[in-house]
Amino acid sequence: MKRAAVFYWLIGLAIAAVTIGTAFYLDDTVWHFIMQHQNRAMRSCMHNVSRFGDWPSHVALGFLLAGIAWWRGSKKWTRIFLCMLLAMAIAGIAGHVIKRTVPRARPSVKSELRWGGPSFSTKYHAFPSGHVAASTAFFGVLIFARRRIGLACLPIPILIGCSRMYIGAHYLSDVVCAAVLGILCATIIAHFVLSQIENREAQTKR
């Protein structure tokens, strides 16, 4: 089992590396395409998606669902929702540290330098996308816990990522790297926290 786990991790890392490399390569192409297809109605829509796709909305949803699950006496779903919140928090903290450590100008900022700049200015916090990292980590745990429901929610972080690029807040690579960060956090929480708790509970019942 350990060899199989290592094999799957290596495959996942290889896929992530190729995806990230491709995203950086396509940054300019995707950005120019987006700039050529701007219109007022779509921009307004994407601004709303971006606004409501931030972490406070996810936190509110997570606590609301956890509260409902607890009120209905479902320990399983209460754990799932709390783990979703935990994964999102870890992704958010990690993303914030990276933003401060590796400043990157947002596409909307008129600067010749893509990398570097004042680390405390939000205009240079493009890498990675905090919205996408948080949303991907949040729903990523749900995919591991309940695949069908989680996959049905997958369009949410994808749409959020598209909105962030459309309004000029991020490049493609910012969004892709954020998604990888979110998936990593979700994987860690799902396998090393949620699964361990469920396994201990199953052994206790025996």
N, C-alpha and C. Protein backbone atom coordinates (compact mmCIF):
# COMPACT_ATOMS: atom_id res chain seq x y z
N MET A 1 0.83 -1.21 0.00
CA MET A 1 0.00 0.00 0.00
C MET A 1 0.86 1.26 0.00
N LYS A 2 1.98 1.22 0.74
CA LYS A 2 2.83 2.39 0.81
C LYS A 2 3.45 2.70 -0.55
N ARG A 3 3.89 1.66 -1.27
CA ARG A 3 4.46 1.88 -2.60
C ARG A 3 3.42 2.45 -3.55
N ALA A 4 2.21 1.93 -3.45
CA ALA A 4 1.13 2.43 -4.32
C ALA A 4 0.84 3.89 -4.01
N ALA A 5 0.84 4.26 -2.72
CA ALA A 5 0.57 5.64 -2.33
C ALA A 5 1.66 6.57 -2.87
N VAL A 6 2.92 6.13 -2.75
CA VAL A 6 4.04 6.93 -3.26
C VAL A 6 3.92 7.10 -4.77
N PHE A 7 3.54 6.01 -5.45
CA PHE A 7 3.37 6.06 -6.91
C PHE A 7 2.31 7.08 -7.31
N TYR A 8 1.17 7.06 -6.63
CA TYR A 8 0.09 8.00 -6.94
C TYR A 8 0.49 9.44 -6.65
N TRP A 9 1.25 9.63 -5.56
CA TRP A 9 1.72 10.97 -5.24
C TRP A 9 2.67 11.48 -6.32
N LEU A 10 3.56 10.60 -6.80
CA LEU A 10 4.52 11.00 -7.84
C LEU A 10 3.79 11.33 -9.14
N ILE A 11 2.78 10.54 -9.48
CA ILE A 11 1.98 10.81 -10.68
C ILE A 11 1.27 12.16 -10.54
N GLY A 12 0.70 12.40 -9.38
CA GLY A 12 0.01 13.66 -9.13
C GLY A 12 0.95 14.85 -9.23
N LEU A 13 2.15 14.71 -8.66
CA LEU A 13 3.13 15.80 -8.72
C LEU A 13 3.59 16.06 -10.15
N ALA A 14 3.75 14.98 -10.93
CA ALA A 14 4.16 15.13 -12.33
C ALA A 14 3.08 15.86 -13.14
N ILE A 15 1.83 15.48 -12.92
CA ILE A 15 0.72 16.14 -13.62
C ILE A 15 0.64 17.61 -13.22
N ALA A 16 0.83 17.88 -11.93
CA ALA A 16 0.78 19.26 -11.44
C ALA A 16 1.90 20.08 -12.06
N ALA A 17 3.11 19.51 -12.14
CA ALA A 17 4.25 20.23 -12.70
C ALA A 17 4.03 20.57 -14.17
N VAL A 18 3.52 19.61 -14.93
CA VAL A 18 3.26 19.84 -16.36
C VAL A 18 2.17 20.90 -16.53
N THR A 19 1.13 20.81 -15.72
CA THR A 19 0.02 21.77 -15.80
C THR A 19 0.48 23.18 -15.46
N ILE A 20 1.29 23.31 -14.41
CA ILE A 20 1.80 24.62 -14.01
C ILE A 20 2.72 25.20 -15.09
N GLY A 21 3.60 24.36 -15.64
CA GLY A 21 4.50 24.81 -16.70
C GLY A 21 3.73 25.30 -17.92
N THR A 22 2.70 24.56 -18.29
CA THR A 22 1.87 24.94 -19.43
C THR A 22 1.14 26.25 -19.17
N ALA A 23 0.68 26.43 -17.94
CA ALA A 23 -0.04 27.65 -17.58
C ALA A 23 0.85 28.87 -17.71
N PHE A 24 2.08 28.77 -17.21
CA PHE A 24 3.02 29.89 -17.33
C PHE A 24 3.30 30.20 -18.80
N TYR A 25 3.43 29.16 -19.59
CA TYR A 25 3.71 29.34 -21.02
C TYR A 25 2.56 30.06 -21.72
N LEU A 26 1.33 29.80 -21.30
CA LEU A 26 0.15 30.36 -21.94
C LEU A 26 -0.34 31.67 -21.30
N ASP A 27 0.37 32.17 -20.30
CA ASP A 27 -0.06 33.38 -19.60
C ASP A 27 -0.42 34.53 -20.54
N ASP A 28 0.52 34.90 -21.39
CA ASP A 28 0.31 36.05 -22.27
C ASP A 28 -0.80 35.79 -23.29
N THR A 29 -0.81 34.58 -23.83
CA THR A 29 -1.82 34.23 -24.83
C THR A 29 -3.23 34.34 -24.27
N VAL A 30 -3.43 33.78 -23.08
CA VAL A 30 -4.74 33.81 -22.44
C VAL A 30 -5.10 35.23 -22.05
N TRP A 31 -4.14 36.00 -21.54
CA TRP A 31 -4.41 37.37 -21.13
C TRP A 31 -4.85 38.24 -22.31
N HIS A 32 -4.15 38.11 -23.43
CA HIS A 32 -4.52 38.89 -24.62
C HIS A 32 -5.89 38.47 -25.16
N PHE A 33 -6.18 37.19 -25.08
CA PHE A 33 -7.49 36.69 -25.52
C PHE A 33 -8.61 37.29 -24.67
N ILE A 34 -8.39 37.33 -23.37
CA ILE A 34 -9.38 37.90 -22.45
C ILE A 34 -9.58 39.38 -22.73
N MET A 35 -8.49 40.10 -22.96
CA MET A 35 -8.58 41.53 -23.21
C MET A 35 -9.33 41.84 -24.52
N GLN A 36 -9.25 40.93 -25.47
CA GLN A 36 -9.93 41.13 -26.75
C GLN A 36 -11.41 40.77 -26.69
N HIS A 37 -11.84 40.16 -25.60
CA HIS A 37 -13.23 39.72 -25.48
C HIS A 37 -13.87 40.30 -24.22
N GLN A 38 -13.65 41.58 -23.99
CA GLN A 38 -14.25 42.27 -22.86
C GLN A 38 -15.56 42.94 -23.28
N ASN A 39 -16.56 42.86 -22.41
CA ASN A 39 -17.78 43.64 -22.61
C ASN A 39 -18.37 43.98 -21.25
N ARG A 40 -19.15 45.03 -21.20
CA ARG A 40 -19.63 45.57 -19.92
C ARG A 40 -20.48 44.58 -19.14
N ALA A 41 -21.38 43.88 -19.80
CA ALA A 41 -22.28 42.96 -19.11
C ALA A 41 -21.50 41.80 -18.48
N MET A 42 -20.57 41.23 -19.26
CA MET A 42 -19.78 40.11 -18.76
C MET A 42 -18.86 40.56 -17.63
N ARG A 43 -18.30 41.74 -17.77
CA ARG A 43 -17.41 42.24 -16.72
C ARG A 43 -18.16 42.46 -15.42
N SER A 44 -19.38 42.99 -15.51
CA SER A 44 -20.20 43.19 -14.32
C SER A 44 -20.53 41.85 -13.66
N CYS A 45 -20.86 40.87 -14.49
CA CYS A 45 -21.17 39.52 -13.99
C CYS A 45 -19.96 38.91 -13.29
N MET A 46 -18.79 39.03 -13.91
CA MET A 46 -17.58 38.45 -13.34
C MET A 46 -17.16 39.17 -12.05
N HIS A 47 -17.43 40.46 -11.98
CA HIS A 47 -17.14 41.19 -10.75
C HIS A 47 -17.99 40.64 -9.60
N ASN A 48 -19.25 40.34 -9.88
CA ASN A 48 -20.14 39.78 -8.86
C ASN A 48 -19.71 38.38 -8.45
N VAL A 49 -19.31 37.58 -9.42
CA VAL A 49 -18.83 36.22 -9.12
C VAL A 49 -17.59 36.31 -8.23
N SER A 50 -16.69 37.21 -8.59
CA SER A 50 -15.46 37.39 -7.82
C SER A 50 -15.75 37.87 -6.41
N ARG A 51 -16.71 38.78 -6.28
CA ARG A 51 -17.06 39.34 -4.96
C ARG A 51 -17.65 38.27 -4.05
N PHE A 52 -18.60 37.50 -4.57
CA PHE A 52 -19.26 36.49 -3.76
C PHE A 52 -18.47 35.18 -3.67
N GLY A 53 -17.39 35.09 -4.45
CA GLY A 53 -16.56 33.89 -4.42
C GLY A 53 -15.39 34.00 -3.49
N ASP A 54 -15.31 35.07 -2.71
CA ASP A 54 -14.21 35.26 -1.77
C ASP A 54 -14.41 34.36 -0.55
N TRP A 55 -13.37 34.28 0.29
CA TRP A 55 -13.38 33.34 1.41
C TRP A 55 -14.48 33.60 2.44
N PRO A 56 -14.90 34.87 2.72
CA PRO A 56 -15.96 35.04 3.72
C PRO A 56 -17.26 34.30 3.37
N SER A 57 -17.59 34.26 2.08
CA SER A 57 -18.79 33.53 1.66
C SER A 57 -18.64 32.04 1.91
N HIS A 58 -17.44 31.52 1.66
CA HIS A 58 -17.19 30.10 1.89
C HIS A 58 -17.24 29.78 3.39
N VAL A 59 -16.68 30.68 4.19
CA VAL A 59 -16.71 30.48 5.65
C VAL A 59 -18.15 30.45 6.16
N ALA A 60 -18.94 31.41 5.70
CA ALA A 60 -20.34 31.49 6.12
C ALA A 60 -21.09 30.22 5.71
N LEU A 61 -20.85 29.78 4.47
CA LEU A 61 -21.52 28.56 3.98
C LEU A 61 -21.07 27.34 4.77
N GLY A 62 -19.77 27.25 5.04
CA GLY A 62 -19.24 26.10 5.78
C GLY A 62 -19.82 26.00 7.19
N PHE A 63 -19.84 27.12 7.90
CA PHE A 63 -20.37 27.10 9.26
C PHE A 63 -21.88 26.88 9.28
N LEU A 64 -22.57 27.41 8.27
CA LEU A 64 -24.02 27.20 8.18
C LEU A 64 -24.32 25.72 7.98
N LEU A 65 -23.61 25.09 7.05
CA LEU A 65 -23.84 23.67 6.77
C LEU A 65 -23.42 22.80 7.95
N ALA A 66 -22.31 23.16 8.59
CA ALA A 66 -21.86 22.41 9.76
C ALA A 66 -22.88 22.52 10.90
N GLY A 67 -23.44 23.73 11.06
CA GLY A 67 -24.45 23.93 12.09
C GLY A 67 -25.71 23.11 11.82
N ILE A 68 -26.13 23.07 10.57
CA ILE A 68 -27.31 22.29 10.20
C ILE A 68 -27.06 20.81 10.43
N ALA A 69 -25.86 20.34 10.03
CA ALA A 69 -25.51 18.92 10.20
C ALA A 69 -25.46 18.55 11.68
N TRP A 70 -24.89 19.43 12.50
CA TRP A 70 -24.82 19.18 13.95
C TRP A 70 -26.22 19.16 14.56
N TRP A 71 -27.07 20.08 14.12
CA TRP A 71 -28.44 20.17 14.64
C TRP A 71 -29.24 18.92 14.28
N ARG A 72 -28.95 18.37 13.11
CA ARG A 72 -29.64 17.15 12.68
C ARG A 72 -29.00 15.88 13.23
N GLY A 73 -27.92 16.04 13.98
CA GLY A 73 -27.28 14.89 14.62
C GLY A 73 -26.38 14.08 13.70
N SER A 74 -25.91 14.67 12.61
CA SER A 74 -25.03 13.96 11.67
C SER A 74 -23.58 14.29 11.97
N LYS A 75 -22.92 13.40 12.72
CA LYS A 75 -21.51 13.62 13.04
C LYS A 75 -20.64 13.55 11.78
N LYS A 76 -21.01 12.65 10.88
CA LYS A 76 -20.23 12.47 9.66
C LYS A 76 -20.17 13.76 8.84
N TRP A 77 -21.33 14.37 8.58
CA TRP A 77 -21.36 15.58 7.77
C TRP A 77 -20.80 16.78 8.52
N THR A 78 -20.96 16.79 9.84
CA THR A 78 -20.36 17.87 10.63
C THR A 78 -18.85 17.85 10.48
N ARG A 79 -18.25 16.66 10.54
CA ARG A 79 -16.81 16.52 10.36
C ARG A 79 -16.39 16.96 8.96
N ILE A 80 -17.15 16.56 7.96
CA ILE A 80 -16.81 16.91 6.59
C ILE A 80 -16.78 18.42 6.40
N PHE A 81 -17.82 19.09 6.87
CA PHE A 81 -17.89 20.55 6.69
C PHE A 81 -16.80 21.27 7.47
N LEU A 82 -16.49 20.79 8.68
CA LEU A 82 -15.43 21.41 9.46
C LEU A 82 -14.07 21.19 8.80
N CYS A 83 -13.88 20.01 8.21
CA CYS A 83 -12.63 19.73 7.50
C CYS A 83 -12.52 20.59 6.23
N MET A 84 -13.64 20.86 5.59
CA MET A 84 -13.64 21.76 4.44
C MET A 84 -13.16 23.15 4.86
N LEU A 85 -13.64 23.62 6.00
CA LEU A 85 -13.22 24.92 6.52
C LEU A 85 -11.74 24.91 6.90
N LEU A 86 -11.28 23.82 7.48
CA LEU A 86 -9.88 23.71 7.89
C LEU A 86 -8.96 23.74 6.67
N ALA A 87 -9.31 22.99 5.64
CA ALA A 87 -8.50 22.97 4.42
C ALA A 87 -8.45 24.35 3.78
N MET A 88 -9.58 25.04 3.77
CA MET A 88 -9.63 26.38 3.21
C MET A 88 -8.75 27.34 4.00
N ALA A 89 -8.77 27.22 5.32
CA ALA A 89 -7.96 28.09 6.17
C ALA A 89 -6.47 27.88 5.91
N ILE A 90 -6.07 26.62 5.79
CA ILE A 90 -4.66 26.31 5.53
C ILE A 90 -4.24 26.85 4.17
N ALA A 91 -5.09 26.66 3.17
CA ALA A 91 -4.78 27.17 1.83
C ALA A 91 -4.68 28.69 1.84
N GLY A 92 -5.57 29.33 2.59
CA GLY A 92 -5.55 30.79 2.67
C GLY A 92 -4.28 31.32 3.32
N ILE A 93 -3.86 30.69 4.41
CA ILE A 93 -2.64 31.11 5.10
C ILE A 93 -1.42 30.89 4.22
N ALA A 94 -1.35 29.70 3.60
CA ALA A 94 -0.21 29.39 2.73
C ALA A 94 -0.15 30.36 1.55
N GLY A 95 -1.31 30.63 0.96
CA GLY A 95 -1.36 31.54 -0.18
C GLY A 95 -0.92 32.94 0.21
N HIS A 96 -1.34 33.38 1.39
CA HIS A 96 -0.98 34.73 1.85
C HIS A 96 0.53 34.84 2.07
N VAL A 97 1.12 33.81 2.62
CA VAL A 97 2.57 33.80 2.84
C VAL A 97 3.31 33.87 1.51
N ILE A 98 2.83 33.10 0.53
CA ILE A 98 3.46 33.09 -0.80
C ILE A 98 3.34 34.47 -1.45
N LYS A 99 2.18 35.10 -1.32
CA LYS A 99 1.97 36.43 -1.90
C LYS A 99 2.99 37.43 -1.36
N ARG A 100 3.25 37.36 -0.06
CA ARG A 100 4.18 38.29 0.56
C ARG A 100 5.63 37.94 0.21
N THR A 101 5.90 36.65 0.06
CA THR A 101 7.27 36.20 -0.22
C THR A 101 7.65 36.39 -1.68
N VAL A 102 6.68 36.13 -2.58
CA VAL A 102 6.93 36.22 -4.02
C VAL A 102 5.95 37.21 -4.64
N PRO A 103 6.18 38.51 -4.50
CA PRO A 103 5.24 39.50 -5.05
C PRO A 103 5.17 39.41 -6.58
N ARG A 104 3.98 39.50 -7.10
CA ARG A 104 3.78 39.52 -8.55
C ARG A 104 2.71 40.55 -8.89
N ALA A 105 3.03 41.42 -9.82
CA ALA A 105 2.08 42.46 -10.21
C ALA A 105 0.86 41.85 -10.88
N ARG A 106 -0.30 42.37 -10.56
CA ARG A 106 -1.52 41.91 -11.21
C ARG A 106 -1.51 42.35 -12.67
N PRO A 107 -2.21 41.64 -13.56
CA PRO A 107 -2.24 42.00 -14.98
C PRO A 107 -2.73 43.43 -15.21
N SER A 108 -3.61 43.91 -14.34
CA SER A 108 -4.16 45.26 -14.50
C SER A 108 -3.18 46.36 -14.12
N VAL A 109 -2.07 45.99 -13.46
CA VAL A 109 -1.06 46.96 -13.05
C VAL A 109 -0.11 47.23 -14.21
N LYS A 110 0.05 48.49 -14.57
CA LYS A 110 0.94 48.85 -15.66
C LYS A 110 2.37 48.90 -15.15
N SER A 111 3.08 47.79 -15.35
CA SER A 111 4.46 47.68 -14.88
C SER A 111 5.25 46.79 -15.83
N GLU A 112 6.49 47.16 -16.07
CA GLU A 112 7.34 46.35 -16.94
C GLU A 112 7.78 45.07 -16.24
N LEU A 113 7.84 45.12 -14.92
CA LEU A 113 8.27 43.96 -14.15
C LEU A 113 7.07 43.09 -13.79
N ARG A 114 7.15 41.81 -14.13
CA ARG A 114 6.09 40.87 -13.76
C ARG A 114 6.22 40.44 -12.31
N TRP A 115 7.47 40.28 -11.88
CA TRP A 115 7.73 39.78 -10.54
C TRP A 115 8.47 40.84 -9.72
N GLY A 116 8.22 40.84 -8.44
CA GLY A 116 8.84 41.81 -7.56
C GLY A 116 7.95 43.02 -7.35
N GLY A 117 8.22 43.76 -6.28
CA GLY A 117 7.41 44.92 -5.97
C GLY A 117 7.14 44.99 -4.48
N PRO A 118 6.38 45.97 -4.04
CA PRO A 118 6.06 46.11 -2.61
C PRO A 118 5.22 44.93 -2.12
N SER A 119 5.75 44.19 -1.18
CA SER A 119 5.08 42.97 -0.71
C SER A 119 3.80 43.23 0.07
N PHE A 120 3.61 44.48 0.54
CA PHE A 120 2.41 44.78 1.31
C PHE A 120 1.31 45.42 0.47
N SER A 121 1.57 45.65 -0.80
CA SER A 121 0.58 46.23 -1.69
C SER A 121 -0.24 45.13 -2.36
N THR A 122 -1.57 45.22 -2.26
CA THR A 122 -2.42 44.20 -2.86
C THR A 122 -2.32 44.17 -4.39
N LYS A 123 -1.80 45.25 -4.97
CA LYS A 123 -1.60 45.28 -6.42
C LYS A 123 -0.52 44.31 -6.86
N TYR A 124 0.30 43.87 -5.91
CA TYR A 124 1.37 42.93 -6.20
C TYR A 124 1.16 41.60 -5.48
N HIS A 125 -0.11 41.27 -5.29
CA HIS A 125 -0.47 39.99 -4.66
C HIS A 125 -1.19 39.08 -5.65
N ALA A 126 -0.69 39.02 -6.87
CA ALA A 126 -1.35 38.22 -7.89
C ALA A 126 -1.11 36.73 -7.73
N PHE A 127 0.05 36.36 -7.21
CA PHE A 127 0.45 34.95 -7.16
C PHE A 127 0.49 34.43 -5.73
N PRO A 128 -0.29 33.36 -5.46
CA PRO A 128 -1.36 32.77 -6.28
C PRO A 128 -2.70 33.43 -5.97
N SER A 129 -3.74 33.01 -6.66
CA SER A 129 -5.08 33.57 -6.42
C SER A 129 -5.64 33.03 -5.10
N GLY A 130 -5.87 33.94 -4.16
CA GLY A 130 -6.43 33.52 -2.88
C GLY A 130 -7.85 33.00 -2.99
N HIS A 131 -8.64 33.62 -3.89
CA HIS A 131 -10.02 33.17 -4.11
C HIS A 131 -10.04 31.71 -4.56
N VAL A 132 -9.21 31.40 -5.55
CA VAL A 132 -9.22 30.05 -6.13
C VAL A 132 -8.65 29.02 -5.16
N ALA A 133 -7.58 29.38 -4.47
CA ALA A 133 -6.99 28.45 -3.50
C ALA A 133 -7.99 28.07 -2.42
N ALA A 134 -8.69 29.07 -1.89
CA ALA A 134 -9.66 28.83 -0.83
C ALA A 134 -10.83 27.98 -1.32
N SER A 135 -11.38 28.33 -2.47
CA SER A 135 -12.54 27.61 -3.00
C SER A 135 -12.19 26.18 -3.39
N THR A 136 -11.01 25.99 -4.00
CA THR A 136 -10.60 24.65 -4.41
C THR A 136 -10.35 23.76 -3.20
N ALA A 137 -9.71 24.30 -2.17
CA ALA A 137 -9.48 23.52 -0.95
C ALA A 137 -10.80 23.17 -0.28
N PHE A 138 -11.71 24.12 -0.24
CA PHE A 138 -13.02 23.94 0.38
C PHE A 138 -13.80 22.81 -0.27
N PHE A 139 -13.97 22.89 -1.58
CA PHE A 139 -14.75 21.87 -2.28
C PHE A 139 -13.93 20.62 -2.59
N GLY A 140 -12.60 20.74 -2.52
CA GLY A 140 -11.75 19.57 -2.74
C GLY A 140 -11.97 18.51 -1.69
N VAL A 141 -12.10 18.93 -0.44
CA VAL A 141 -12.38 17.98 0.64
C VAL A 141 -13.71 17.28 0.39
N LEU A 142 -14.68 18.01 -0.11
CA LEU A 142 -15.99 17.43 -0.39
C LEU A 142 -15.90 16.38 -1.49
N ILE A 143 -15.01 16.61 -2.46
CA ILE A 143 -14.82 15.62 -3.53
C ILE A 143 -14.26 14.33 -2.96
N PHE A 144 -13.30 14.44 -2.05
CA PHE A 144 -12.73 13.24 -1.44
C PHE A 144 -13.74 12.53 -0.55
N ALA A 145 -14.56 13.31 0.15
CA ALA A 145 -15.52 12.73 1.09
C ALA A 145 -16.76 12.17 0.40
N ARG A 146 -17.32 12.94 -0.53
CA ARG A 146 -18.52 12.54 -1.27
C ARG A 146 -18.34 12.96 -2.72
N ARG A 147 -17.81 12.03 -3.51
CA ARG A 147 -17.33 12.38 -4.85
C ARG A 147 -18.39 13.02 -5.74
N ARG A 148 -19.57 12.45 -5.79
CA ARG A 148 -20.60 12.96 -6.70
C ARG A 148 -21.01 14.38 -6.34
N ILE A 149 -21.22 14.62 -5.06
CA ILE A 149 -21.61 15.96 -4.62
C ILE A 149 -20.47 16.95 -4.86
N GLY A 150 -19.26 16.52 -4.56
CA GLY A 150 -18.10 17.38 -4.74
C GLY A 150 -17.87 17.76 -6.19
N LEU A 151 -17.99 16.77 -7.08
CA LEU A 151 -17.80 17.04 -8.51
C LEU A 151 -18.90 17.97 -9.04
N ALA A 152 -20.09 17.84 -8.48
CA ALA A 152 -21.19 18.73 -8.89
C ALA A 152 -20.89 20.18 -8.51
N CYS A 153 -20.08 20.36 -7.44
CA CYS A 153 -19.72 21.71 -6.99
C CYS A 153 -18.44 22.23 -7.64
N LEU A 154 -17.76 21.39 -8.41
CA LEU A 154 -16.49 21.76 -9.04
C LEU A 154 -16.58 23.00 -9.93
N PRO A 155 -17.69 23.22 -10.65
CA PRO A 155 -17.77 24.43 -11.48
C PRO A 155 -17.65 25.74 -10.68
N ILE A 156 -17.90 25.68 -9.38
CA ILE A 156 -17.82 26.91 -8.57
C ILE A 156 -16.40 27.48 -8.54
N PRO A 157 -15.37 26.70 -8.11
CA PRO A 157 -14.01 27.26 -8.14
C PRO A 157 -13.51 27.55 -9.55
N ILE A 158 -13.98 26.78 -10.53
CA ILE A 158 -13.58 27.05 -11.92
C ILE A 158 -14.12 28.40 -12.38
N LEU A 159 -15.39 28.66 -12.07
CA LEU A 159 -16.00 29.93 -12.44
C LEU A 159 -15.33 31.10 -11.71
N ILE A 160 -14.99 30.88 -10.45
CA ILE A 160 -14.30 31.91 -9.68
C ILE A 160 -12.95 32.23 -10.31
N GLY A 161 -12.23 31.19 -10.72
CA GLY A 161 -10.94 31.39 -11.37
C GLY A 161 -11.07 32.17 -12.67
N CYS A 162 -12.07 31.85 -13.46
CA CYS A 162 -12.31 32.57 -14.71
C CYS A 162 -12.65 34.03 -14.44
N SER A 163 -13.43 34.27 -13.39
CA SER A 163 -13.81 35.65 -13.07
C SER A 163 -12.60 36.47 -12.65
N ARG A 164 -11.68 35.86 -11.90
CA ARG A 164 -10.50 36.58 -11.45
C ARG A 164 -9.59 36.96 -12.61
N MET A 165 -9.52 36.10 -13.61
CA MET A 165 -8.72 36.42 -14.79
C MET A 165 -9.42 37.47 -15.65
N TYR A 166 -10.72 37.36 -15.76
CA TYR A 166 -11.48 38.27 -16.63
C TYR A 166 -11.40 39.72 -16.15
N ILE A 167 -11.42 39.93 -14.84
CA ILE A 167 -11.39 41.29 -14.32
C ILE A 167 -9.97 41.83 -14.15
N GLY A 168 -8.99 41.05 -14.57
CA GLY A 168 -7.61 41.52 -14.55
C GLY A 168 -6.89 41.38 -13.24
N ALA A 169 -7.37 40.51 -12.38
CA ALA A 169 -6.73 40.33 -11.07
C ALA A 169 -5.62 39.29 -11.09
N HIS A 170 -5.69 38.36 -12.04
CA HIS A 170 -4.72 37.26 -12.07
C HIS A 170 -4.42 36.79 -13.49
N TYR A 171 -3.23 36.23 -13.64
CA TYR A 171 -2.86 35.52 -14.86
C TYR A 171 -3.32 34.06 -14.73
N LEU A 172 -3.27 33.33 -15.84
CA LEU A 172 -3.67 31.92 -15.83
C LEU A 172 -2.83 31.13 -14.83
N SER A 173 -1.53 31.38 -14.79
CA SER A 173 -0.65 30.63 -13.89
C SER A 173 -0.98 30.90 -12.43
N ASP A 174 -1.44 32.11 -12.11
CA ASP A 174 -1.84 32.42 -10.73
C ASP A 174 -3.01 31.54 -10.30
N VAL A 175 -3.94 31.36 -11.22
CA VAL A 175 -5.14 30.57 -10.95
C VAL A 175 -4.81 29.08 -10.87
N VAL A 176 -4.00 28.60 -11.81
CA VAL A 176 -3.63 27.18 -11.83
C VAL A 176 -2.81 26.80 -10.60
N CYS A 177 -1.83 27.63 -10.24
CA CYS A 177 -1.02 27.34 -9.06
C CYS A 177 -1.87 27.38 -7.79
N ALA A 178 -2.83 28.28 -7.75
CA ALA A 178 -3.74 28.36 -6.60
C ALA A 178 -4.60 27.09 -6.51
N ALA A 179 -5.05 26.61 -7.66
CA ALA A 179 -5.85 25.38 -7.68
C ALA A 179 -5.03 24.19 -7.19
N VAL A 180 -3.76 24.12 -7.61
CA VAL A 180 -2.87 23.05 -7.16
C VAL A 180 -2.66 23.14 -5.65
N LEU A 181 -2.47 24.36 -5.14
CA LEU A 181 -2.32 24.56 -3.70
C LEU A 181 -3.58 24.12 -2.96
N GLY A 182 -4.73 24.48 -3.49
CA GLY A 182 -5.99 24.08 -2.87
C GLY A 182 -6.19 22.58 -2.86
N ILE A 183 -5.86 21.94 -3.97
CA ILE A 183 -5.98 20.47 -4.06
C ILE A 183 -5.04 19.80 -3.07
N LEU A 184 -3.82 20.33 -2.95
CA LEU A 184 -2.85 19.76 -2.01
C LEU A 184 -3.37 19.86 -0.58
N CYS A 185 -3.89 21.02 -0.20
CA CYS A 185 -4.43 21.20 1.15
C CYS A 185 -5.63 20.29 1.40
N ALA A 186 -6.50 20.17 0.39
CA ALA A 186 -7.67 19.30 0.52
C ALA A 186 -7.25 17.84 0.67
N THR A 187 -6.23 17.44 -0.09
CA THR A 187 -5.74 16.05 -0.02
C THR A 187 -5.18 15.74 1.35
N ILE A 188 -4.39 16.64 1.88
CA ILE A 188 -3.78 16.44 3.20
C ILE A 188 -4.85 16.33 4.28
N ILE A 189 -5.81 17.24 4.27
CA ILE A 189 -6.87 17.23 5.28
C ILE A 189 -7.76 16.00 5.13
N ALA A 190 -8.11 15.64 3.90
CA ALA A 190 -9.00 14.50 3.66
C ALA A 190 -8.36 13.18 4.08
N HIS A 191 -7.07 13.03 3.80
CA HIS A 191 -6.42 11.74 4.06
C HIS A 191 -5.80 11.64 5.45
N PHE A 192 -5.33 12.75 5.99
CA PHE A 192 -4.64 12.69 7.27
C PHE A 192 -5.46 13.19 8.44
N VAL A 193 -6.60 13.78 8.19
CA VAL A 193 -7.47 14.24 9.28
C VAL A 193 -8.81 13.54 9.21
N LEU A 194 -9.55 13.77 8.12
CA LEU A 194 -10.89 13.21 8.00
C LEU A 194 -10.88 11.69 8.00
N SER A 195 -10.00 11.09 7.21
CA SER A 195 -9.95 9.61 7.13
C SER A 195 -9.53 9.00 8.45
N GLN A 196 -8.57 9.62 9.14
CA GLN A 196 -8.11 9.09 10.41
C GLN A 196 -9.22 9.12 11.46
N ILE A 197 -9.98 10.20 11.48
CA ILE A 197 -11.09 10.30 12.43
C ILE A 197 -12.15 9.24 12.15
N GLU A 198 -12.48 9.06 10.87
CA GLU A 198 -13.49 8.07 10.49
C GLU A 198 -13.02 6.65 10.79
N ASN A 199 -11.73 6.38 10.58
CA ASN A 199 -11.19 5.04 10.85
C ASN A 199 -11.21 4.74 12.36
N ARG A 200 -10.87 5.73 13.15
CA ARG A 200 -10.90 5.55 14.61
C ARG A 200 -12.33 5.32 15.10
N GLU A 201 -13.27 6.04 14.54
CA GLU A 201 -14.67 5.87 14.94
C GLU A 201 -15.17 4.47 14.54
N ALA A 202 -14.75 4.00 13.36
CA ALA A 202 -15.18 2.67 12.90
C ALA A 202 -14.60 1.59 13.80
N GLN A 203 -13.33 1.76 14.24
CA GLN A 203 -12.71 0.78 15.12
C GLN A 203 -13.36 0.80 16.50
N THR A 204 -13.79 1.96 16.95
CA THR A 204 -14.46 2.07 18.25
C THR A 204 -15.79 1.33 18.25
N LYS A 205 -16.52 1.44 17.13
CA LYS A 205 -17.81 0.76 17.03
C LYS A 205 -17.67 -0.76 17.02
N ARG A 206 -16.53 -1.24 16.54
CA ARG A 206 -16.30 -2.69 16.53
C ARG A 206 -16.06 -3.21 17.93
